[in-house]
């Protein structure tokens, strides 16, 4: 592992069947956070295994050959691991084969080449997991969530458009006499159209502003709920505190464009009722009961 360095001691040899190397956090797993073992001390390692449908606990004594400095790796938890030689592992765990291998390339650009080479050698007899594979899975999940959100947003915009059309159409029906009076006073069709389009724009401005405010507030609210529900604040047993926060990120241009879209959609939805209002005959409008 490229970043491994020793606080004390050194590596165990291939033929060392009793030596063990302890991670920086593993050695501090005590109530007060103090190291429970030191270099050269003998410790017992225990693990459980199922034998004939029964749980058996096996123990073995090892001598601490080395203690690692803090590494801080997320994918491979080196700080919480104990390392023994291959020969000791085969004997201790009664295994003849490897369960898995960590392969670290000198350059991330070599990952694909190494994976292709392994597939050529072993075919489908092994499962290969690389950071790129994990990244692709995360991207697929993110894209799926984004697509779902877009569909919900489109449906919401459609419902909002119908609501604006209905609201303005109702407003026109309730104000037919008022429209007729305005036309009798000399208001042109363009002025009547502008009045109702301004009303539609005001609806869009108010609705868009409320929507943006609620969206920002809900984002922070959901991040707080998820943070508490998933126990994202973590304190390691080595007294190191890791705080992983879900912090909403907002693009100012994205917020502005969303707000402008709401206003534009409101005006587009309000055009037909406004046009109907502008086309009313003033005489018939004044006679309307």
C-alpha atoms as a PDB file:
ATOM      1  CA  UNK A   1       0.000   0.000   0.000  1.00  0.00           C
ATOM      2  CA  UNK A   2       1.661   3.265  -1.143  1.00  0.00           C
ATOM      3  CA  UNK A   3       0.909   5.350   1.961  1.00  0.00           C
ATOM      4  CA  UNK A   4       1.818   2.795   4.613  1.00  0.00           C
ATOM      5  CA  UNK A   5       4.513   3.871   7.046  1.00  0.00           C
ATOM      6  CA  UNK A   6       5.472   2.511  10.433  1.00  0.00           C
ATOM      7  CA  UNK A   7       5.101   4.261  13.752  1.00  0.00           C
ATOM      8  CA  UNK A   8       7.312   1.515  15.150  1.00  0.00           C
ATOM      9  CA  UNK A   9       8.558  -1.876  14.002  1.00  0.00           C
ATOM     10  CA  UNK A  10       8.614  -3.225  10.468  1.00  0.00           C
ATOM     11  CA  UNK A  11       6.986  -5.741   8.111  1.00  0.00           C
ATOM     12  CA  UNK A  12       6.555  -9.423   8.945  1.00  0.00           C
ATOM     13  CA  UNK A  13       8.530 -11.830   6.783  1.00  0.00           C
ATOM     14  CA  UNK A  14       6.896 -14.455   4.559  1.00  0.00           C
ATOM     15  CA  UNK A  15       8.002 -17.231   6.903  1.00  0.00           C
ATOM     16  CA  UNK A  16       6.974 -15.456  10.123  1.00  0.00           C
ATOM     17  CA  UNK A  17       4.008 -17.423  11.461  1.00  0.00           C
ATOM     18  CA  UNK A  18       3.602 -15.502  14.731  1.00  0.00           C
ATOM     19  CA  UNK A  19       4.176 -11.861  13.739  1.00  0.00           C
ATOM     20  CA  UNK A  20       1.372  -9.324  13.308  1.00  0.00           C
ATOM     21  CA  UNK A  21       1.179  -5.684  12.215  1.00  0.00           C
ATOM     22  CA  UNK A  22      -1.575  -3.553  13.765  1.00  0.00           C
ATOM     23  CA  UNK A  23      -3.361  -0.560  12.236  1.00  0.00           C
ATOM     24  CA  UNK A  24      -3.244   2.806  13.972  1.00  0.00           C
ATOM     25  CA  UNK A  25      -6.908   2.759  15.029  1.00  0.00           C
ATOM     26  CA  UNK A  26      -7.086  -0.961  15.767  1.00  0.00           C
ATOM     27  CA  UNK A  27      -4.418  -0.708  18.436  1.00  0.00           C
ATOM     28  CA  UNK A  28      -6.366   2.080  20.191  1.00  0.00           C
ATOM     29  CA  UNK A  29      -9.608   0.154  20.607  1.00  0.00           C
ATOM     30  CA  UNK A  30      -9.783   0.530  24.342  1.00  0.00           C
ATOM     31  CA  UNK A  31     -12.126   2.424  26.640  1.00  0.00           C
ATOM     32  CA  UNK A  32      -9.731   5.319  27.185  1.00  0.00           C
ATOM     33  CA  UNK A  33      -8.314   5.314  23.657  1.00  0.00           C
ATOM     34  CA  UNK A  34      -4.830   4.322  24.839  1.00  0.00           C
ATOM     35  CA  UNK A  35      -2.917   1.615  22.909  1.00  0.00           C
ATOM     36  CA  UNK A  36      -3.699  -1.847  24.285  1.00  0.00           C
ATOM     37  CA  UNK A  37      -0.475  -3.339  22.904  1.00  0.00           C
ATOM     38  CA  UNK A  38       3.084  -2.272  22.195  1.00  0.00           C
ATOM     39  CA  UNK A  39       5.893  -3.442  19.962  1.00  0.00           C
ATOM     40  CA  UNK A  40       7.064  -6.950  20.884  1.00  0.00           C
ATOM     41  CA  UNK A  41       4.035  -7.681  23.056  1.00  0.00           C
ATOM     42  CA  UNK A  42       2.123 -10.938  22.642  1.00  0.00           C
ATOM     43  CA  UNK A  43      -1.584 -10.605  21.890  1.00  0.00           C
ATOM     44  CA  UNK A  44      -4.382 -13.051  21.125  1.00  0.00           C
ATOM     45  CA  UNK A  45      -6.432 -12.872  17.944  1.00  0.00           C
ATOM     46  CA  UNK A  46      -9.765 -14.696  17.857  1.00  0.00           C
ATOM     47  CA  UNK A  47     -12.230 -15.353  15.065  1.00  0.00           C
ATOM     48  CA  UNK A  48     -15.368 -17.436  14.729  1.00  0.00           C
ATOM     49  CA  UNK A  49     -16.096 -20.037  12.097  1.00  0.00           C
ATOM     50  CA  UNK A  50     -18.982 -22.393  11.420  1.00  0.00           C
ATOM     51  CA  UNK A  51     -18.018 -26.045  11.762  1.00  0.00           C
ATOM     52  CA  UNK A  52     -20.707 -28.704  11.327  1.00  0.00           C
ATOM     53  CA  UNK A  53     -23.421 -26.055  11.719  1.00  0.00           C
ATOM     54  CA  UNK A  54     -21.912 -24.899  15.001  1.00  0.00           C
ATOM     55  CA  UNK A  55     -20.128 -21.662  15.793  1.00  0.00           C
ATOM     56  CA  UNK A  56     -16.554 -22.273  16.855  1.00  0.00           C
ATOM     57  CA  UNK A  57     -14.195 -19.613  18.208  1.00  0.00           C
ATOM     58  CA  UNK A  58     -10.516 -20.034  17.386  1.00  0.00           C
ATOM     59  CA  UNK A  59      -7.716 -18.152  19.119  1.00  0.00           C
ATOM     60  CA  UNK A  60      -4.038 -17.816  18.456  1.00  0.00           C
ATOM     61  CA  UNK A  61      -1.199 -15.818  19.965  1.00  0.00           C
ATOM     62  CA  UNK A  62       0.768 -13.357  17.844  1.00  0.00           C
ATOM     63  CA  UNK A  63       3.694 -11.060  18.538  1.00  0.00           C
ATOM     64  CA  UNK A  64       3.338  -7.403  17.530  1.00  0.00           C
ATOM     65  CA  UNK A  65       6.053  -6.784  14.929  1.00  0.00           C
ATOM     66  CA  UNK A  66       4.900  -3.346  13.815  1.00  0.00           C
ATOM     67  CA  UNK A  67       2.431  -0.526  14.420  1.00  0.00           C
ATOM     68  CA  UNK A  68       1.344   1.595  11.467  1.00  0.00           C
ATOM     69  CA  UNK A  69       0.988   5.342  11.248  1.00  0.00           C
ATOM     70  CA  UNK A  70      -2.452   6.723  10.485  1.00  0.00           C
ATOM     71  CA  UNK A  71      -3.319   6.166   6.812  1.00  0.00           C
ATOM     72  CA  UNK A  72      -6.920   7.352   6.495  1.00  0.00           C
ATOM     73  CA  UNK A  73      -7.962   5.206   3.536  1.00  0.00           C
ATOM     74  CA  UNK A  74     -11.703   4.856   2.976  1.00  0.00           C
ATOM     75  CA  UNK A  75     -11.891   1.946   0.511  1.00  0.00           C
ATOM     76  CA  UNK A  76      -9.316  -0.231   2.278  1.00  0.00           C
ATOM     77  CA  UNK A  77      -9.611   0.363   6.062  1.00  0.00           C
ATOM     78  CA  UNK A  78      -5.906  -0.078   6.769  1.00  0.00           C
ATOM     79  CA  UNK A  79      -6.136   1.731  10.112  1.00  0.00           C
ATOM     80  CA  UNK A  80      -8.580  -0.864  11.445  1.00  0.00           C
ATOM     81  CA  UNK A  81      -6.834  -3.960  10.114  1.00  0.00           C
ATOM     82  CA  UNK A  82      -4.302  -6.492  11.386  1.00  0.00           C
ATOM     83  CA  UNK A  83      -1.764  -7.980   8.979  1.00  0.00           C
ATOM     84  CA  UNK A  84      -0.123 -11.405   9.230  1.00  0.00           C
ATOM     85  CA  UNK A  85       1.958 -13.397   6.771  1.00  0.00           C
ATOM     86  CA  UNK A  86       0.316 -15.553   4.095  1.00  0.00           C
ATOM     87  CA  UNK A  87       1.610 -18.756   5.678  1.00  0.00           C
ATOM     88  CA  UNK A  88       0.202 -17.736   9.089  1.00  0.00           C
ATOM     89  CA  UNK A  89      -3.148 -16.849   7.522  1.00  0.00           C
ATOM     90  CA  UNK A  90      -3.434 -20.204   5.747  1.00  0.00           C
ATOM     91  CA  UNK A  91      -2.676 -22.023   8.981  1.00  0.00           C
ATOM     92  CA  UNK A  92      -4.848 -19.856  11.225  1.00  0.00           C
ATOM     93  CA  UNK A  93      -7.917 -19.755   8.972  1.00  0.00           C
ATOM     94  CA  UNK A  94      -7.401 -23.247   7.554  1.00  0.00           C
ATOM     95  CA  UNK A  95      -7.512 -22.030   3.971  1.00  0.00           C
ATOM     96  CA  UNK A  96      -5.669 -23.198   0.889  1.00  0.00           C
ATOM     97  CA  UNK A  97      -6.796 -20.452  -1.465  1.00  0.00           C
ATOM     98  CA  UNK A  98      -7.138 -16.680  -1.462  1.00  0.00           C
ATOM     99  CA  UNK A  99     -10.534 -15.099  -0.886  1.00  0.00           C
ATOM    100  CA  UNK A 100      -9.523 -11.920  -2.675  1.00  0.00           C
ATOM    101  CA  UNK A 101      -6.675  -9.668  -3.725  1.00  0.00           C
ATOM    102  CA  UNK A 102      -6.087  -5.933  -3.560  1.00  0.00           C
ATOM    103  CA  UNK A 103      -4.212  -4.768  -6.651  1.00  0.00           C
ATOM    104  CA  UNK A 104      -2.754  -1.262  -6.553  1.00  0.00           C
ATOM    105  CA  UNK A 105      -1.410   0.118  -9.823  1.00  0.00           C
ATOM    106  CA  UNK A 106       1.303   2.747 -10.079  1.00  0.00           C
ATOM    107  CA  UNK A 107      -1.022   4.936 -12.124  1.00  0.00           C
ATOM    108  CA  UNK A 108      -4.821   5.013 -12.295  1.00  0.00           C
ATOM    109  CA  UNK A 109      -4.547   4.994 -16.097  1.00  0.00           C
ATOM    110  CA  UNK A 110      -3.318   1.395 -15.838  1.00  0.00           C
ATOM    111  CA  UNK A 111      -6.490   0.169 -14.097  1.00  0.00           C
ATOM    112  CA  UNK A 112      -8.372  -0.725 -17.271  1.00  0.00           C
ATOM    113  CA  UNK A 113      -5.369  -2.504 -18.765  1.00  0.00           C
ATOM    114  CA  UNK A 114      -4.895  -4.606 -15.625  1.00  0.00           C
ATOM    115  CA  UNK A 115      -8.610  -5.451 -15.502  1.00  0.00           C
ATOM    116  CA  UNK A 116      -8.613  -6.507 -19.161  1.00  0.00           C
ATOM    117  CA  UNK A 117      -5.554  -8.662 -18.572  1.00  0.00           C
ATOM    118  CA  UNK A 118      -7.184 -10.373 -15.581  1.00  0.00           C
ATOM    119  CA  UNK A 119     -10.334 -11.038 -17.607  1.00  0.00           C
ATOM    120  CA  UNK A 120      -8.248 -12.575 -20.379  1.00  0.00           C
ATOM    121  CA  UNK A 121      -6.535 -14.862 -17.871  1.00  0.00           C
ATOM    122  CA  UNK A 122      -9.504 -15.878 -15.699  1.00  0.00           C
ATOM    123  CA  UNK A 123     -12.619 -15.051 -17.712  1.00  0.00           C
ATOM    124  CA  UNK A 124     -15.762 -15.039 -15.578  1.00  0.00           C
ATOM    125  CA  UNK A 125     -14.182 -17.036 -12.757  1.00  0.00           C
ATOM    126  CA  UNK A 126     -13.530 -13.925 -10.689  1.00  0.00           C
ATOM    127  CA  UNK A 127     -15.293 -10.701  -9.790  1.00  0.00           C
ATOM    128  CA  UNK A 128     -13.336  -7.511 -10.442  1.00  0.00           C
ATOM    129  CA  UNK A 129     -14.296  -4.361  -8.553  1.00  0.00           C
ATOM    130  CA  UNK A 130     -12.428  -1.151  -9.302  1.00  0.00           C
ATOM    131  CA  UNK A 131     -12.946   2.496  -8.293  1.00  0.00           C
ATOM    132  CA  UNK A 132     -14.182   3.112 -11.842  1.00  0.00           C
ATOM    133  CA  UNK A 133     -16.828   0.390 -11.478  1.00  0.00           C
ATOM    134  CA  UNK A 134     -17.989   1.887  -8.175  1.00  0.00           C
ATOM    135  CA  UNK A 135     -18.027   5.337  -9.766  1.00  0.00           C
ATOM    136  CA  UNK A 136     -20.093   4.054 -12.719  1.00  0.00           C
ATOM    137  CA  UNK A 137     -22.644   2.488 -10.365  1.00  0.00           C
ATOM    138  CA  UNK A 138     -22.945   5.748  -8.415  1.00  0.00           C
ATOM    139  CA  UNK A 139     -23.341   7.702 -11.671  1.00  0.00           C
ATOM    140  CA  UNK A 140     -26.089   5.328 -12.850  1.00  0.00           C
ATOM    141  CA  UNK A 141     -27.960   5.707  -9.561  1.00  0.00           C
ATOM    142  CA  UNK A 142     -27.546   9.497  -9.668  1.00  0.00           C
ATOM    143  CA  UNK A 143     -28.753   9.652 -13.283  1.00  0.00           C
ATOM    144  CA  UNK A 144     -31.789   7.544 -12.381  1.00  0.00           C
ATOM    145  CA  UNK A 145     -32.683   9.841  -9.497  1.00  0.00           C
ATOM    146  CA  UNK A 146     -32.134  12.910 -11.710  1.00  0.00           C
ATOM    147  CA  UNK A 147     -34.420  11.451 -14.411  1.00  0.00           C
ATOM    148  CA  UNK A 148     -37.133  10.777 -11.828  1.00  0.00           C
ATOM    149  CA  UNK A 149     -36.840  14.345 -10.525  1.00  0.00           C
ATOM    150  CA  UNK A 150     -37.094  15.723 -14.090  1.00  0.00           C
ATOM    151  CA  UNK A 151     -40.256  13.701 -14.740  1.00  0.00           C
ATOM    152  CA  UNK A 152     -41.800  14.925 -11.481  1.00  0.00           C
ATOM    153  CA  UNK A 153     -40.813  18.503 -12.382  1.00  0.00           C
ATOM    154  CA  UNK A 154     -42.394  18.214 -15.851  1.00  0.00           C
ATOM    155  CA  UNK A 155     -45.637  16.884 -14.385  1.00  0.00           C
ATOM    156  CA  UNK A 156     -45.593  19.676 -11.785  1.00  0.00           C
ATOM    157  CA  UNK A 157     -45.094  22.308 -14.502  1.00  0.00           C
ATOM    158  CA  UNK A 158     -47.967  20.832 -16.514  1.00  0.00           C
ATOM    159  CA  UNK A 159     -50.279  20.915 -13.495  1.00  0.00           C
ATOM    160  CA  UNK A 160     -49.167  24.480 -12.707  1.00  0.00           C
ATOM    161  CA  UNK A 161     -49.882  25.556 -16.293  1.00  0.00           C
ATOM    162  CA  UNK A 162     -53.393  24.117 -16.161  1.00  0.00           C
ATOM    163  CA  UNK A 163     -53.933  25.861 -12.823  1.00  0.00           C
ATOM    164  CA  UNK A 164     -52.845  29.239 -14.207  1.00  0.00           C
ATOM    165  CA  UNK A 165     -55.054  28.863 -17.294  1.00  0.00           C
ATOM    166  CA  UNK A 166     -58.029  27.951 -15.115  1.00  0.00           C
ATOM    167  CA  UNK A 167     -57.386  30.819 -12.684  1.00  0.00           C
ATOM    168  CA  UNK A 168     -57.110  33.481 -15.373  1.00  0.00           C
ATOM    169  CA  UNK A 169     -60.045  32.087 -17.340  1.00  0.00           C
ATOM    170  CA  UNK A 170     -62.167  32.271 -14.183  1.00  0.00           C
ATOM    171  CA  UNK A 171     -60.895  35.812 -13.606  1.00  0.00           C
ATOM    172  CA  UNK A 172     -61.956  36.808 -17.132  1.00  0.00           C
ATOM    173  CA  UNK A 173     -65.436  35.322 -16.673  1.00  0.00           C
ATOM    174  CA  UNK A 174     -65.893  37.175 -13.378  1.00  0.00           C
ATOM    175  CA  UNK A 175     -64.739  40.497 -14.840  1.00  0.00           C
ATOM    176  CA  UNK A 176     -66.515  40.575 -18.187  1.00  0.00           C
ATOM    177  CA  UNK A 177     -68.461  43.743 -17.283  1.00  0.00           C
ATOM    178  CA  UNK A 178     -65.258  45.385 -16.057  1.00  0.00           C
ATOM    179  CA  UNK A 179     -63.554  44.534 -19.353  1.00  0.00           C
ATOM    180  CA  UNK A 180     -66.490  45.982 -21.290  1.00  0.00           C
ATOM    181  CA  UNK A 181     -66.313  49.187 -19.223  1.00  0.00           C
ATOM    182  CA  UNK A 182     -62.578  49.512 -19.850  1.00  0.00           C
ATOM    183  CA  UNK A 183     -63.118  49.123 -23.579  1.00  0.00           C
ATOM    184  CA  UNK A 184     -65.907  51.699 -23.489  1.00  0.00           C
ATOM    185  CA  UNK A 185     -63.458  54.084 -21.809  1.00  0.00           C
ATOM    186  CA  UNK A 186     -61.031  53.635 -24.708  1.00  0.00           C
ATOM    187  CA  UNK A 187     -58.781  50.757 -23.641  1.00  0.00           C
ATOM    188  CA  UNK A 188     -57.459  48.953 -26.701  1.00  0.00           C
ATOM    189  CA  UNK A 189     -57.191  45.198 -27.141  1.00  0.00           C
ATOM    190  CA  UNK A 190     -53.440  45.425 -26.540  1.00  0.00           C
ATOM    191  CA  UNK A 191     -53.948  47.182 -23.209  1.00  0.00           C
ATOM    192  CA  UNK A 192     -56.506  44.592 -22.071  1.00  0.00           C
ATOM    193  CA  UNK A 193     -54.136  41.838 -23.160  1.00  0.00           C
ATOM    194  CA  UNK A 194     -51.274  43.514 -21.268  1.00  0.00           C
ATOM    195  CA  UNK A 195     -53.340  43.801 -18.064  1.00  0.00           C
ATOM    196  CA  UNK A 196     -54.098  40.093 -17.922  1.00  0.00           C
ATOM    197  CA  UNK A 197     -50.575  39.131 -18.987  1.00  0.00           C
ATOM    198  CA  UNK A 198     -49.256  41.261 -16.118  1.00  0.00           C
ATOM    199  CA  UNK A 199     -51.530  39.349 -13.756  1.00  0.00           C
ATOM    200  CA  UNK A 200     -50.140  36.092 -15.137  1.00  0.00           C
ATOM    201  CA  UNK A 201     -46.600  37.414 -14.686  1.00  0.00           C
ATOM    202  CA  UNK A 202     -47.326  38.388 -11.061  1.00  0.00           C
ATOM    203  CA  UNK A 203     -48.625  34.871 -10.410  1.00  0.00           C
ATOM    204  CA  UNK A 204     -45.404  33.477 -11.886  1.00  0.00           C
ATOM    205  CA  UNK A 205     -43.189  35.835  -9.868  1.00  0.00           C
ATOM    206  CA  UNK A 206     -44.918  35.036  -6.580  1.00  0.00           C
ATOM    207  CA  UNK A 207     -45.172  31.302  -7.286  1.00  0.00           C
ATOM    208  CA  UNK A 208     -41.575  31.053  -8.516  1.00  0.00           C
ATOM    209  CA  UNK A 209     -40.235  32.968  -5.507  1.00  0.00           C
ATOM    210  CA  UNK A 210     -42.171  30.809  -3.046  1.00  0.00           C
ATOM    211  CA  UNK A 211     -41.067  27.664  -4.896  1.00  0.00           C
ATOM    212  CA  UNK A 212     -37.378  28.646  -4.832  1.00  0.00           C
ATOM    213  CA  UNK A 213     -37.558  29.535  -1.132  1.00  0.00           C
ATOM    214  CA  UNK A 214     -39.314  26.271  -0.231  1.00  0.00           C
ATOM    215  CA  UNK A 215     -36.888  24.280  -2.389  1.00  0.00           C
ATOM    216  CA  UNK A 216     -33.863  25.736  -0.600  1.00  0.00           C
ATOM    217  CA  UNK A 217     -35.485  25.250   2.814  1.00  0.00           C
ATOM    218  CA  UNK A 218     -36.468  21.644   2.044  1.00  0.00           C
ATOM    219  CA  UNK A 219     -32.944  20.891   0.790  1.00  0.00           C
ATOM    220  CA  UNK A 220     -31.430  21.926   4.108  1.00  0.00           C
ATOM    221  CA  UNK A 221     -34.220  20.168   5.992  1.00  0.00           C
ATOM    222  CA  UNK A 222     -33.693  16.884   4.117  1.00  0.00           C
ATOM    223  CA  UNK A 223     -29.918  17.077   4.599  1.00  0.00           C
ATOM    224  CA  UNK A 224     -30.465  17.488   8.354  1.00  0.00           C
ATOM    225  CA  UNK A 225     -32.953  14.584   8.477  1.00  0.00           C
ATOM    226  CA  UNK A 226     -30.688  12.288   6.441  1.00  0.00           C
ATOM    227  CA  UNK A 227     -27.687  13.252   8.544  1.00  0.00           C
ATOM    228  CA  UNK A 228     -29.501  12.271  11.736  1.00  0.00           C
ATOM    229  CA  UNK A 229     -31.204   9.195  10.290  1.00  0.00           C
ATOM    230  CA  UNK A 230     -28.040   7.701   8.808  1.00  0.00           C
ATOM    231  CA  UNK A 231     -25.823   8.565  11.805  1.00  0.00           C
ATOM    232  CA  UNK A 232     -23.377  10.369   9.577  1.00  0.00           C
ATOM    233  CA  UNK A 233     -21.477  11.911  12.478  1.00  0.00           C
ATOM    234  CA  UNK A 234     -18.970   9.186  13.330  1.00  0.00           C
ATOM    235  CA  UNK A 235     -16.456   9.007  16.145  1.00  0.00           C
ATOM    236  CA  UNK A 236     -13.825   6.355  15.725  1.00  0.00           C
ATOM    237  CA  UNK A 237     -12.595   4.270  18.597  1.00  0.00           C
ATOM    238  CA  UNK A 238      -9.210   5.947  18.255  1.00  0.00           C
ATOM    239  CA  UNK A 239     -10.820   9.212  19.387  1.00  0.00           C
ATOM    240  CA  UNK A 240     -10.728  10.647  15.874  1.00  0.00           C
ATOM    241  CA  UNK A 241     -13.949  12.328  14.876  1.00  0.00           C
ATOM    242  CA  UNK A 242     -15.103  11.995  11.287  1.00  0.00           C
ATOM    243  CA  UNK A 243     -17.989  14.245  10.291  1.00  0.00           C
ATOM    244  CA  UNK A 244     -19.551  13.495   6.913  1.00  0.00           C
ATOM    245  CA  UNK A 245     -22.107  16.175   6.122  1.00  0.00           C
ATOM    246  CA  UNK A 246     -24.688  16.316   3.361  1.00  0.00           C
ATOM    247  CA  UNK A 247     -24.485  19.954   2.308  1.00  0.00           C
ATOM    248  CA  UNK A 248     -26.885  21.190  -0.407  1.00  0.00           C
ATOM    249  CA  UNK A 249     -25.125  22.883  -3.317  1.00  0.00           C
ATOM    250  CA  UNK A 250     -26.952  25.566  -5.272  1.00  0.00           C
ATOM    251  CA  UNK A 251     -26.030  27.059  -8.619  1.00  0.00           C
ATOM    252  CA  UNK A 252     -27.082  30.752  -8.690  1.00  0.00           C
ATOM    253  CA  UNK A 253     -27.644  30.606 -12.439  1.00  0.00           C
ATOM    254  CA  UNK A 254     -29.703  27.424 -12.002  1.00  0.00           C
ATOM    255  CA  UNK A 255     -31.920  29.088  -9.390  1.00  0.00           C
ATOM    256  CA  UNK A 256     -32.319  32.202 -11.561  1.00  0.00           C
ATOM    257  CA  UNK A 257     -33.120  30.175 -14.684  1.00  0.00           C
ATOM    258  CA  UNK A 258     -35.706  28.131 -12.756  1.00  0.00           C
ATOM    259  CA  UNK A 259     -37.340  31.311 -11.477  1.00  0.00           C
ATOM    260  CA  UNK A 260     -37.375  32.823 -14.985  1.00  0.00           C
ATOM    261  CA  UNK A 261     -38.854  29.586 -16.345  1.00  0.00           C
ATOM    262  CA  UNK A 262     -41.706  29.835 -13.827  1.00  0.00           C
ATOM    263  CA  UNK A 263     -42.428  33.429 -14.860  1.00  0.00           C
ATOM    264  CA  UNK A 264     -42.227  32.623 -18.585  1.00  0.00           C
ATOM    265  CA  UNK A 265     -44.414  29.537 -18.220  1.00  0.00           C
ATOM    266  CA  UNK A 266     -46.966  31.549 -16.266  1.00  0.00           C
ATOM    267  CA  UNK A 267     -47.146  34.192 -19.012  1.00  0.00           C
ATOM    268  CA  UNK A 268     -47.399  31.559 -21.742  1.00  0.00           C
ATOM    269  CA  UNK A 269     -50.171  29.774 -19.853  1.00  0.00           C
ATOM    270  CA  UNK A 270     -51.973  33.072 -19.284  1.00  0.00           C
ATOM    271  CA  UNK A 271     -51.818  34.180 -22.920  1.00  0.00           C
ATOM    272  CA  UNK A 272     -54.976  32.385 -24.076  1.00  0.00           C
ATOM    273  CA  UNK A 273     -57.262  33.711 -21.296  1.00  0.00           C
ATOM    274  CA  UNK A 274     -55.742  37.182 -21.830  1.00  0.00           C
ATOM    275  CA  UNK A 275     -56.358  36.951 -25.565  1.00  0.00           C
ATOM    276  CA  UNK A 276     -59.971  35.890 -24.916  1.00  0.00           C
ATOM    277  CA  UNK A 277     -60.414  38.888 -22.635  1.00  0.00           C
ATOM    278  CA  UNK A 278     -58.984  41.270 -25.244  1.00  0.00           C
ATOM    279  CA  UNK A 279     -61.327  39.888 -27.936  1.00  0.00           C
ATOM    280  CA  UNK A 280     -64.520  40.488 -25.965  1.00  0.00           C
ATOM    281  CA  UNK A 281     -67.084  42.756 -27.619  1.00  0.00           C
ATOM    282  CA  UNK A 282     -67.611  45.781 -25.319  1.00  0.00           C
ATOM    283  CA  UNK A 283     -71.387  45.968 -25.937  1.00  0.00           C
ATOM    284  CA  UNK A 284     -71.967  42.291 -25.123  1.00  0.00           C
ATOM    285  CA  UNK A 285     -69.599  42.553 -22.168  1.00  0.00           C
ATOM    286  CA  UNK A 286     -71.609  45.442 -20.664  1.00  0.00           C
ATOM    287  CA  UNK A 287     -74.852  43.479 -21.115  1.00  0.00           C
ATOM    288  CA  UNK A 288     -73.397  40.417 -19.400  1.00  0.00           C
ATOM    289  CA  UNK A 289     -75.052  39.481 -16.113  1.00  0.00           C
END
